[in-house]
């Protein structure tokens, strides 16, 4: 993250909100404020965060919510909203729930 030179960095482990094995740490939310993001699109910002995480993104992080802002954006309208609740379960559970709904 040093390459991003953040003025604010918040990392929240949200694994407990998802259907993961006990002790798994694979769902995270990052709020990052950096002057490096000036004149960058949201996609460019997210790619930069993914690149900074490197191997961790490829091997251990399953889900990542990224809120990326410039210092000016943060000052005028800080975004640190909560992530939505997990809709629950694994794919197998989701399929069985769909079958149970009247239709």
PDB file of N, CA and C in Angstrom:
ATOM      1  N   UNK A   1       0.812  -1.204   0.000  1.00  0.00           N
ATOM      2  CA  UNK A   1       0.000   0.000   0.000  1.00  0.00           C
ATOM      3  C   UNK A   1       0.856   1.268   0.000  1.00  0.00           C
ATOM      4  N   UNK A   2       2.145   1.120   0.248  1.00  0.00           N
ATOM      5  CA  UNK A   2       3.021   2.289   0.261  1.00  0.00           C
ATOM      6  C   UNK A   2       2.965   3.050  -1.062  1.00  0.00           C
ATOM      7  N   UNK A   3       2.802   2.329  -2.165  1.00  0.00           N
ATOM      8  CA  UNK A   3       2.754   2.978  -3.475  1.00  0.00           C
ATOM      9  C   UNK A   3       1.525   3.871  -3.625  1.00  0.00           C
ATOM     10  N   UNK A   4       0.502   3.625  -2.823  1.00  0.00           N
ATOM     11  CA  UNK A   4      -0.717   4.433  -2.887  1.00  0.00           C
ATOM     12  C   UNK A   4      -0.639   5.675  -2.020  1.00  0.00           C
ATOM     13  N   UNK A   5       0.324   5.727  -1.104  1.00  0.00           N
ATOM     14  CA  UNK A   5       0.537   6.878  -0.235  1.00  0.00           C
ATOM     15  C   UNK A   5      -0.776   7.382   0.378  1.00  0.00           C
ATOM     16  N   UNK A   6      -1.499   6.522   1.098  1.00  0.00           N
ATOM     17  CA  UNK A   6      -2.811   6.934   1.616  1.00  0.00           C
ATOM     18  C   UNK A   6      -2.733   7.957   2.737  1.00  0.00           C
ATOM     19  N   UNK A   7      -3.685   8.896   2.720  1.00  0.00           N
ATOM     20  CA  UNK A   7      -3.848   9.815   3.842  1.00  0.00           C
ATOM     21  C   UNK A   7      -4.861   9.234   4.822  1.00  0.00           C
ATOM     22  N   UNK A   8      -5.657   8.281   4.380  1.00  0.00           N
ATOM     23  CA  UNK A   8      -6.588   7.538   5.233  1.00  0.00           C
ATOM     24  C   UNK A   8      -6.664   6.122   4.691  1.00  0.00           C
ATOM     25  N   UNK A   9      -6.553   5.161   5.565  1.00  0.00           N
ATOM     26  CA  UNK A   9      -6.669   3.759   5.179  1.00  0.00           C
ATOM     27  C   UNK A   9      -7.408   3.024   6.277  1.00  0.00           C
ATOM     28  N   UNK A  10      -8.499   2.403   5.893  1.00  0.00           N
ATOM     29  CA  UNK A  10      -9.294   1.624   6.832  1.00  0.00           C
ATOM     30  C   UNK A  10      -9.530   0.259   6.197  1.00  0.00           C
ATOM     31  N   UNK A  11      -9.184  -0.793   6.905  1.00  0.00           N
ATOM     32  CA  UNK A  11      -9.386  -2.159   6.418  1.00  0.00           C
ATOM     33  C   UNK A  11     -10.269  -2.882   7.432  1.00  0.00           C
ATOM     34  N   UNK A  12     -11.401  -3.369   6.951  1.00  0.00           N
ATOM     35  CA  UNK A  12     -12.329  -4.099   7.807  1.00  0.00           C
ATOM     36  C   UNK A  12     -12.438  -5.534   7.325  1.00  0.00           C
ATOM     37  N   UNK A  13     -12.278  -6.466   8.239  1.00  0.00           N
ATOM     38  CA  UNK A  13     -12.471  -7.876   7.937  1.00  0.00           C
ATOM     39  C   UNK A  13     -13.966  -8.161   8.085  1.00  0.00           C
ATOM     40  N   UNK A  14     -14.631  -8.454   6.975  1.00  0.00           N
ATOM     41  CA  UNK A  14     -16.072  -8.703   6.988  1.00  0.00           C
ATOM     42  C   UNK A  14     -16.403 -10.178   6.807  1.00  0.00           C
ATOM     43  N   UNK A  15     -15.436 -11.028   7.019  1.00  0.00           N
ATOM     44  CA  UNK A  15     -15.630 -12.463   6.824  1.00  0.00           C
ATOM     45  C   UNK A  15     -16.764 -13.006   7.689  1.00  0.00           C
ATOM     46  N   UNK A  16     -16.916 -12.459   8.889  1.00  0.00           N
ATOM     47  CA  UNK A  16     -17.963 -12.932   9.800  1.00  0.00           C
ATOM     48  C   UNK A  16     -19.371 -12.692   9.251  1.00  0.00           C
ATOM     49  N   UNK A  17     -19.499 -11.826   8.255  1.00  0.00           N
ATOM     50  CA  UNK A  17     -20.803 -11.510   7.664  1.00  0.00           C
ATOM     51  C   UNK A  17     -21.160 -12.450   6.509  1.00  0.00           C
ATOM     52  N   UNK A  18     -20.299 -13.412   6.223  1.00  0.00           N
ATOM     53  CA  UNK A  18     -20.473 -14.261   5.048  1.00  0.00           C
ATOM     54  C   UNK A  18     -20.425 -15.732   5.427  1.00  0.00           C
ATOM     55  N   UNK A  19     -20.850 -16.538   4.501  1.00  0.00           N
ATOM     56  CA  UNK A  19     -20.869 -17.988   4.717  1.00  0.00           C
ATOM     57  C   UNK A  19     -19.488 -18.552   4.412  1.00  0.00           C
ATOM     58  N   UNK A  20     -18.611 -18.454   5.406  1.00  0.00           N
ATOM     59  CA  UNK A  20     -17.247 -18.970   5.275  1.00  0.00           C
ATOM     60  C   UNK A  20     -16.948 -19.846   6.488  1.00  0.00           C
ATOM     61  N   UNK A  21     -15.982 -20.739   6.367  1.00  0.00           N
ATOM     62  CA  UNK A  21     -15.631 -21.573   7.527  1.00  0.00           C
ATOM     63  C   UNK A  21     -15.156 -20.712   8.697  1.00  0.00           C
ATOM     64  N   UNK A  22     -15.400 -21.163   9.920  1.00  0.00           N
ATOM     65  CA  UNK A  22     -14.929 -20.418  11.094  1.00  0.00           C
ATOM     66  C   UNK A  22     -13.426 -20.141  10.999  1.00  0.00           C
ATOM     67  N   UNK A  23     -13.053 -18.914  11.300  1.00  0.00           N
ATOM     68  CA  UNK A  23     -11.646 -18.528  11.258  1.00  0.00           C
ATOM     69  C   UNK A  23     -11.155 -18.096   9.887  1.00  0.00           C
ATOM     70  N   UNK A  24     -11.990 -18.263   8.856  1.00  0.00           N
ATOM     71  CA  UNK A  24     -11.574 -17.842   7.509  1.00  0.00           C
ATOM     72  C   UNK A  24     -11.562 -16.321   7.440  1.00  0.00           C
ATOM     73  N   UNK A  25     -10.550 -15.801   6.825  1.00  0.00           N
ATOM     74  CA  UNK A  25     -10.453 -14.353   6.630  1.00  0.00           C
ATOM     75  C   UNK A  25     -10.291 -14.113   5.143  1.00  0.00           C
ATOM     76  N   UNK A  26     -11.422 -13.933   4.463  1.00  0.00           N
ATOM     77  CA  UNK A  26     -11.377 -13.844   3.005  1.00  0.00           C
ATOM     78  C   UNK A  26     -12.233 -12.724   2.434  1.00  0.00           C
ATOM     79  N   UNK A  27     -13.011 -12.035   3.270  1.00  0.00           N
ATOM     80  CA  UNK A  27     -13.889 -10.955   2.816  1.00  0.00           C
ATOM     81  C   UNK A  27     -13.469  -9.662   3.522  1.00  0.00           C
ATOM     82  N   UNK A  28     -13.076  -8.665   2.732  1.00  0.00           N
ATOM     83  CA  UNK A  28     -12.580  -7.420   3.308  1.00  0.00           C
ATOM     84  C   UNK A  28     -13.215  -6.206   2.655  1.00  0.00           C
ATOM     85  N   UNK A  29     -13.187  -5.109   3.387  1.00  0.00           N
ATOM     86  CA  UNK A  29     -13.646  -3.805   2.905  1.00  0.00           C
ATOM     87  C   UNK A  29     -12.516  -2.825   3.169  1.00  0.00           C
ATOM     88  N   UNK A  30     -12.144  -2.073   2.142  1.00  0.00           N
ATOM     89  CA  UNK A  30     -11.050  -1.110   2.240  1.00  0.00           C
ATOM     90  C   UNK A  30     -11.582   0.277   1.893  1.00  0.00           C
ATOM     91  N   UNK A  31     -11.334   1.224   2.771  1.00  0.00           N
ATOM     92  CA  UNK A  31     -11.597   2.634   2.492  1.00  0.00           C
ATOM     93  C   UNK A  31     -10.223   3.270   2.392  1.00  0.00           C
ATOM     94  N   UNK A  32      -9.922   3.812   1.216  1.00  0.00           N
ATOM     95  CA  UNK A  32      -8.590   4.392   1.013  1.00  0.00           C
ATOM     96  C   UNK A  32      -8.722   5.768   0.363  1.00  0.00           C
ATOM     97  N   UNK A  33      -8.034   6.719   0.964  1.00  0.00           N
ATOM     98  CA  UNK A  33      -8.010   8.089   0.466  1.00  0.00           C
ATOM     99  C   UNK A  33      -6.567   8.390   0.084  1.00  0.00           C
ATOM    100  N   UNK A  34      -6.365   8.813  -1.164  1.00  0.00           N
ATOM    101  CA  UNK A  34      -4.999   9.049  -1.631  1.00  0.00           C
ATOM    102  C   UNK A  34      -4.966  10.108  -2.731  1.00  0.00           C
ATOM    103  N   UNK A  35      -3.956  10.988  -2.691  1.00  0.00           N
ATOM    104  CA  UNK A  35      -3.793  11.955  -3.773  1.00  0.00           C
ATOM    105  C   UNK A  35      -3.414  11.281  -5.096  1.00  0.00           C
ATOM    106  N   UNK A  36      -2.931  10.058  -5.025  1.00  0.00           N
ATOM    107  CA  UNK A  36      -2.564   9.309  -6.235  1.00  0.00           C
ATOM    108  C   UNK A  36      -3.784   9.101  -7.133  1.00  0.00           C
ATOM    109  N   UNK A  37      -4.992   9.116  -6.545  1.00  0.00           N
ATOM    110  CA  UNK A  37      -6.214   8.862  -7.303  1.00  0.00           C
ATOM    111  C   UNK A  37      -6.693  10.049  -8.140  1.00  0.00           C
ATOM    112  N   UNK A  38      -6.037  11.201  -7.989  1.00  0.00           N
ATOM    113  CA  UNK A  38      -6.434  12.375  -8.784  1.00  0.00           C
ATOM    114  C   UNK A  38      -6.433  12.023 -10.271  1.00  0.00           C
ATOM    115  N   UNK A  39      -7.466  12.433 -10.960  1.00  0.00           N
ATOM    116  CA  UNK A  39      -7.618  12.257 -12.421  1.00  0.00           C
ATOM    117  C   UNK A  39      -7.649  10.779 -12.839  1.00  0.00           C
ATOM    118  N   UNK A  40      -8.001   9.900 -11.920  1.00  0.00           N
ATOM    119  CA  UNK A  40      -8.134   8.481 -12.255  1.00  0.00           C
ATOM    120  C   UNK A  40      -9.615   8.105 -12.240  1.00  0.00           C
ATOM    121  N   UNK A  41      -9.986   7.214 -13.133  1.00  0.00           N
ATOM    122  CA  UNK A  41     -11.343   6.684 -13.099  1.00  0.00           C
ATOM    123  C   UNK A  41     -11.467   5.711 -11.923  1.00  0.00           C
ATOM    124  N   UNK A  42     -12.690   5.381 -11.583  1.00  0.00           N
ATOM    125  CA  UNK A  42     -12.922   4.428 -10.505  1.00  0.00           C
ATOM    126  C   UNK A  42     -12.278   3.085 -10.831  1.00  0.00           C
ATOM    127  N   UNK A  43     -12.389   2.660 -12.077  1.00  0.00           N
ATOM    128  CA  UNK A  43     -11.782   1.401 -12.493  1.00  0.00           C
ATOM    129  C   UNK A  43     -10.261   1.440 -12.334  1.00  0.00           C
ATOM    130  N   UNK A  44      -9.624   2.541 -12.717  1.00  0.00           N
ATOM    131  CA  UNK A  44      -8.174   2.671 -12.561  1.00  0.00           C
ATOM    132  C   UNK A  44      -7.768   2.618 -11.089  1.00  0.00           C
ATOM    133  N   UNK A  45      -8.560   3.238 -10.238  1.00  0.00           N
ATOM    134  CA  UNK A  45      -8.282   3.235  -8.800  1.00  0.00           C
ATOM    135  C   UNK A  45      -8.347   1.809  -8.255  1.00  0.00           C
ATOM    136  N   UNK A  46      -9.404   1.100  -8.635  1.00  0.00           N
ATOM    137  CA  UNK A  46      -9.578  -0.263  -8.135  1.00  0.00           C
ATOM    138  C   UNK A  46      -8.478  -1.188  -8.641  1.00  0.00           C
ATOM    139  N   UNK A  47      -8.099  -1.007  -9.883  1.00  0.00           N
ATOM    140  CA  UNK A  47      -6.993  -1.815 -10.415  1.00  0.00           C
ATOM    141  C   UNK A  47      -5.704  -1.550  -9.652  1.00  0.00           C
ATOM    142  N   UNK A  48      -5.488  -0.309  -9.274  1.00  0.00           N
ATOM    143  CA  UNK A  48      -4.278   0.049  -8.535  1.00  0.00           C
ATOM    144  C   UNK A  48      -4.278  -0.615  -7.149  1.00  0.00           C
ATOM    145  N   UNK A  49      -5.431  -0.630  -6.488  1.00  0.00           N
ATOM    146  CA  UNK A  49      -5.544  -1.283  -5.181  1.00  0.00           C
ATOM    147  C   UNK A  49      -5.319  -2.785  -5.331  1.00  0.00           C
ATOM    148  N   UNK A  50      -5.933  -3.386  -6.353  1.00  0.00           N
ATOM    149  CA  UNK A  50      -5.733  -4.817  -6.609  1.00  0.00           C
ATOM    150  C   UNK A  50      -4.256  -5.125  -6.844  1.00  0.00           C
ATOM    151  N   UNK A  51      -3.587  -4.286  -7.630  1.00  0.00           N
ATOM    152  CA  UNK A  51      -2.164  -4.497  -7.916  1.00  0.00           C
ATOM    153  C   UNK A  51      -1.330  -4.380  -6.641  1.00  0.00           C
ATOM    154  N   UNK A  52      -1.687  -3.430  -5.772  1.00  0.00           N
ATOM    155  CA  UNK A  52      -0.947  -3.253  -4.521  1.00  0.00           C
ATOM    156  C   UNK A  52      -1.090  -4.473  -3.609  1.00  0.00           C
ATOM    157  N   UNK A  53      -2.234  -5.130  -3.687  1.00  0.00           N
ATOM    158  CA  UNK A  53      -2.456  -6.325  -2.858  1.00  0.00           C
ATOM    159  C   UNK A  53      -1.799  -7.564  -3.453  1.00  0.00           C
ATOM    160  N   UNK A  54      -1.527  -7.531  -4.744  1.00  0.00           N
ATOM    161  CA  UNK A  54      -0.774  -8.571  -5.428  1.00  0.00           C
ATOM    162  C   UNK A  54      -1.197  -9.992  -5.132  1.00  0.00           C
ATOM    163  N   UNK A  55      -0.275 -10.741  -4.571  1.00  0.00           N
ATOM    164  CA  UNK A  55      -0.461 -12.170  -4.306  1.00  0.00           C
ATOM    165  C   UNK A  55      -1.657 -12.437  -3.395  1.00  0.00           C
ATOM    166  N   UNK A  56      -1.877 -11.566  -2.423  1.00  0.00           N
ATOM    167  CA  UNK A  56      -3.015 -11.749  -1.520  1.00  0.00           C
ATOM    168  C   UNK A  56      -4.340 -11.735  -2.289  1.00  0.00           C
ATOM    169  N   UNK A  57      -4.438 -10.875  -3.310  1.00  0.00           N
ATOM    170  CA  UNK A  57      -5.660 -10.823  -4.118  1.00  0.00           C
ATOM    171  C   UNK A  57      -5.856 -12.131  -4.873  1.00  0.00           C
ATOM    172  N   UNK A  58      -4.788 -12.701  -5.337  1.00  0.00           N
ATOM    173  CA  UNK A  58      -4.885 -13.926  -6.142  1.00  0.00           C
ATOM    174  C   UNK A  58      -5.084 -15.180  -5.297  1.00  0.00           C
ATOM    175  N   UNK A  59      -4.601 -15.170  -4.061  1.00  0.00           N
ATOM    176  CA  UNK A  59      -4.573 -16.410  -3.291  1.00  0.00           C
ATOM    177  C   UNK A  59      -5.500 -16.467  -2.089  1.00  0.00           C
ATOM    178  N   UNK A  60      -5.704 -15.367  -1.373  1.00  0.00           N
ATOM    179  CA  UNK A  60      -6.439 -15.505  -0.120  1.00  0.00           C
ATOM    180  C   UNK A  60      -7.677 -14.621   0.013  1.00  0.00           C
ATOM    181  N   UNK A  61      -7.800 -13.590  -0.799  1.00  0.00           N
ATOM    182  CA  UNK A  61      -8.961 -12.705  -0.690  1.00  0.00           C
ATOM    183  C   UNK A  61     -10.027 -13.165  -1.675  1.00  0.00           C
ATOM    184  N   UNK A  62     -11.192 -13.488  -1.144  1.00  0.00           N
ATOM    185  CA  UNK A  62     -12.302 -13.938  -1.972  1.00  0.00           C
ATOM    186  C   UNK A  62     -13.160 -12.756  -2.437  1.00  0.00           C
ATOM    187  N   UNK A  63     -13.387 -11.799  -1.532  1.00  0.00           N
ATOM    188  CA  UNK A  63     -14.232 -10.651  -1.853  1.00  0.00           C
ATOM    189  C   UNK A  63     -13.601  -9.389  -1.261  1.00  0.00           C
ATOM    190  N   UNK A  64     -13.632  -8.318  -2.045  1.00  0.00           N
ATOM    191  CA  UNK A  64     -13.039  -7.061  -1.602  1.00  0.00           C
ATOM    192  C   UNK A  64     -13.928  -5.904  -2.036  1.00  0.00           C
ATOM    193  N   UNK A  65     -14.407  -5.158  -1.059  1.00  0.00           N
ATOM    194  CA  UNK A  65     -15.135  -3.924  -1.324  1.00  0.00           C
ATOM    195  C   UNK A  65     -14.127  -2.796  -1.232  1.00  0.00           C
ATOM    196  N   UNK A  66     -14.063  -1.967  -2.274  1.00  0.00           N
ATOM    197  CA  UNK A  66     -13.093  -0.873  -2.297  1.00  0.00           C
ATOM    198  C   UNK A  66     -13.836   0.454  -2.384  1.00  0.00           C
ATOM    199  N   UNK A  67     -13.550   1.330  -1.446  1.00  0.00           N
ATOM    200  CA  UNK A  67     -14.020   2.711  -1.511  1.00  0.00           C
ATOM    201  C   UNK A  67     -12.761   3.544  -1.638  1.00  0.00           C
ATOM    202  N   UNK A  68     -12.593   4.172  -2.801  1.00  0.00           N
ATOM    203  CA  UNK A  68     -11.368   4.924  -3.091  1.00  0.00           C
ATOM    204  C   UNK A  68     -11.724   6.371  -3.416  1.00  0.00           C
ATOM    205  N   UNK A  69     -11.092   7.292  -2.705  1.00  0.00           N
ATOM    206  CA  UNK A  69     -11.360   8.710  -2.905  1.00  0.00           C
ATOM    207  C   UNK A  69     -10.070   9.518  -2.864  1.00  0.00           C
ATOM    208  N   UNK A  70     -10.125  10.680  -3.489  1.00  0.00           N
ATOM    209  CA  UNK A  70      -9.037  11.649  -3.370  1.00  0.00           C
ATOM    210  C   UNK A  70      -9.253  12.404  -2.058  1.00  0.00           C
ATOM    211  N   UNK A  71      -8.223  13.093  -1.561  1.00  0.00           N
ATOM    212  CA  UNK A  71      -8.419  13.889  -0.339  1.00  0.00           C
ATOM    213  C   UNK A  71      -9.544  14.926  -0.484  1.00  0.00           C
ATOM    214  N   UNK A  72      -9.661  15.552  -1.647  1.00  0.00           N
ATOM    215  CA  UNK A  72     -10.724  16.542  -1.857  1.00  0.00           C
ATOM    216  C   UNK A  72     -12.102  15.889  -1.813  1.00  0.00           C
ATOM    217  N   UNK A  73     -12.238  14.715  -2.416  1.00  0.00           N
ATOM    218  CA  UNK A  73     -13.511  13.994  -2.367  1.00  0.00           C
ATOM    219  C   UNK A  73     -13.852  13.619  -0.927  1.00  0.00           C
ATOM    220  N   UNK A  74     -12.859  13.164  -0.185  1.00  0.00           N
ATOM    221  CA  UNK A  74     -13.050  12.746   1.202  1.00  0.00           C
ATOM    222  C   UNK A  74     -13.492  13.927   2.064  1.00  0.00           C
ATOM    223  N   UNK A  75     -12.872  15.090   1.849  1.00  0.00           N
ATOM    224  CA  UNK A  75     -13.226  16.286   2.620  1.00  0.00           C
ATOM    225  C   UNK A  75     -14.638  16.757   2.316  1.00  0.00           C
ATOM    226  N   UNK A  76     -15.034  16.702   1.045  1.00  0.00           N
ATOM    227  CA  UNK A  76     -16.353  17.208   0.668  1.00  0.00           C
ATOM    228  C   UNK A  76     -17.467  16.201   0.917  1.00  0.00           C
ATOM    229  N   UNK A  77     -17.154  14.920   0.812  1.00  0.00           N
ATOM    230  CA  UNK A  77     -18.199  13.905   0.984  1.00  0.00           C
ATOM    231  C   UNK A  77     -17.568  12.561   1.330  1.00  0.00           C
ATOM    232  N   UNK A  78     -17.161  12.392   2.584  1.00  0.00           N
ATOM    233  CA  UNK A  78     -16.536  11.120   2.956  1.00  0.00           C
ATOM    234  C   UNK A  78     -17.527   9.960   2.838  1.00  0.00           C
ATOM    235  N   UNK A  79     -17.086   8.894   2.221  1.00  0.00           N
ATOM    236  CA  UNK A  79     -17.923   7.703   2.059  1.00  0.00           C
ATOM    237  C   UNK A  79     -17.305   6.589   2.888  1.00  0.00           C
ATOM    238  N   UNK A  80     -17.973   6.217   3.934  1.00  0.00           N
ATOM    239  CA  UNK A  80     -17.505   5.101   4.760  1.00  0.00           C
ATOM    240  C   UNK A  80     -18.696   4.233   5.138  1.00  0.00           C
ATOM    241  N   UNK A  81     -19.619   4.104   4.192  1.00  0.00           N
ATOM    242  CA  UNK A  81     -20.845   3.356   4.481  1.00  0.00           C
ATOM    243  C   UNK A  81     -20.554   1.893   4.763  1.00  0.00           C
ATOM    244  N   UNK A  82     -21.482   1.276   5.435  1.00  0.00           N
ATOM    245  CA  UNK A  82     -21.370  -0.138   5.768  1.00  0.00           C
ATOM    246  C   UNK A  82     -21.600  -0.979   4.524  1.00  0.00           C
ATOM    247  N   UNK A  83     -20.974  -2.112   4.464  1.00  0.00           N
ATOM    248  CA  UNK A  83     -21.225  -3.060   3.387  1.00  0.00           C
ATOM    249  C   UNK A  83     -22.584  -3.704   3.604  1.00  0.00           C
ATOM    250  N   UNK A  84     -23.250  -4.091   2.516  1.00  0.00           N
ATOM    251  CA  UNK A  84     -24.539  -4.760   2.685  1.00  0.00           C
ATOM    252  C   UNK A  84     -24.362  -6.125   3.330  1.00  0.00           C
ATOM    253  N   UNK A  85     -25.402  -6.580   3.981  1.00  0.00           N
ATOM    254  CA  UNK A  85     -25.361  -7.901   4.601  1.00  0.00           C
ATOM    255  C   UNK A  85     -25.278  -8.963   3.513  1.00  0.00           C
ATOM    256  N   UNK A  86     -24.581 -10.026   3.817  1.00  0.00           N
ATOM    257  CA  UNK A  86     -24.478 -11.139   2.889  1.00  0.00           C
ATOM    258  C   UNK A  86     -25.864 -11.729   2.689  1.00  0.00           C
ATOM    259  N   UNK A  87     -26.176 -12.100   1.460  1.00  0.00           N
ATOM    260  CA  UNK A  87     -27.479 -12.698   1.186  1.00  0.00           C
ATOM    261  C   UNK A  87     -27.537 -14.136   1.664  1.00  0.00           C
ATOM    262  N   UNK A  88     -26.404 -14.606   2.134  1.00  0.00           N
ATOM    263  CA  UNK A  88     -26.377 -15.867   2.850  1.00  0.00           C
ATOM    264  C   UNK A  88     -26.079 -17.085   2.030  1.00  0.00           C
ATOM    265  N   UNK A  89     -25.423 -17.980   2.697  1.00  0.00           N
ATOM    266  CA  UNK A  89     -25.233 -19.320   2.188  1.00  0.00           C
ATOM    267  C   UNK A  89     -24.306 -19.471   1.021  1.00  0.00           C
ATOM    268  N   UNK A  90     -24.113 -20.711   0.701  1.00  0.00           N
ATOM    269  CA  UNK A  90     -23.286 -21.069  -0.436  1.00  0.00           C
ATOM    270  C   UNK A  90     -24.167 -21.141  -1.672  1.00  0.00           C
ATOM    271  N   UNK A  91     -23.564 -21.396  -2.804  1.00  0.00           N
ATOM    272  CA  UNK A  91     -24.311 -21.524  -4.048  1.00  0.00           C
ATOM    273  C   UNK A  91     -25.325 -22.652  -3.931  1.00  0.00           C
ATOM    274  N   UNK A  92     -24.938 -23.750  -3.306  1.00  0.00           N
ATOM    275  CA  UNK A  92     -25.835 -24.897  -3.138  1.00  0.00           C
ATOM    276  C   UNK A  92     -27.064 -24.497  -2.328  1.00  0.00           C
ATOM    277  N   UNK A  93     -26.855 -23.730  -1.232  1.00  0.00           N
ATOM    278  CA  UNK A  93     -27.981 -23.285  -0.421  1.00  0.00           C
ATOM    279  C   UNK A  93     -28.863 -22.324  -1.204  1.00  0.00           C
ATOM    280  N   UNK A  94     -28.260 -21.430  -1.984  1.00  0.00           N
ATOM    281  CA  UNK A  94     -29.022 -20.465  -2.768  1.00  0.00           C
ATOM    282  C   UNK A  94     -29.917 -21.184  -3.770  1.00  0.00           C
ATOM    283  N   UNK A  95     -29.407 -22.235  -4.403  1.00  0.00           N
ATOM    284  CA  UNK A  95     -30.205 -22.995  -5.359  1.00  0.00           C
ATOM    285  C   UNK A  95     -31.397 -23.660  -4.684  1.00  0.00           C
ATOM    286  N   UNK A  96     -31.185 -24.227  -3.507  1.00  0.00           N
ATOM    287  CA  UNK A  96     -32.285 -24.895  -2.814  1.00  0.00           C
ATOM    288  C   UNK A  96     -33.340 -23.904  -2.362  1.00  0.00           C
ATOM    289  N   UNK A  97     -32.927 -22.666  -2.013  1.00  0.00           N
ATOM    290  CA  UNK A  97     -33.881 -21.651  -1.622  1.00  0.00           C
ATOM    291  C   UNK A  97     -34.731 -21.231  -2.813  1.00  0.00           C
ATOM    292  N   UNK A  98     -34.147 -21.140  -3.988  1.00  0.00           N
ATOM    293  CA  UNK A  98     -34.881 -20.774  -5.192  1.00  0.00           C
ATOM    294  C   UNK A  98     -35.926 -21.816  -5.494  1.00  0.00           C
ATOM    295  N   UNK A  99     -35.591 -23.087  -5.335  1.00  0.00           N
ATOM    296  CA  UNK A  99     -36.529 -24.170  -5.609  1.00  0.00           C
ATOM    297  C   UNK A  99     -37.684 -24.177  -4.628  1.00  0.00           C
ATOM    298  N   UNK A 100     -37.474 -23.700  -3.419  1.00  0.00           N
ATOM    299  CA  UNK A 100     -38.518 -23.733  -2.399  1.00  0.00           C
ATOM    300  C   UNK A 100     -39.524 -22.596  -2.526  1.00  0.00           C
ATOM    301  N   UNK A 101     -39.156 -21.535  -3.241  1.00  0.00           N
ATOM    302  CA  UNK A 101     -40.066 -20.399  -3.358  1.00  0.00           C
ATOM    303  C   UNK A 101     -41.215 -20.753  -4.286  1.00  0.00           C
ATOM    304  N   UNK A 102     -42.462 -20.327  -3.922  1.00  0.00           N
ATOM    305  CA  UNK A 102     -43.600 -20.592  -4.803  1.00  0.00           C
ATOM    306  C   UNK A 102     -43.449 -19.812  -6.089  1.00  0.00           C
ATOM    307  N   UNK A 103     -43.904 -20.376  -7.153  1.00  0.00           N
ATOM    308  CA  UNK A 103     -43.661 -19.672  -8.389  1.00  0.00           C
ATOM    309  C   UNK A 103     -44.679 -19.897  -9.369  1.00  0.00           C
TER     310      UNK A 103
END
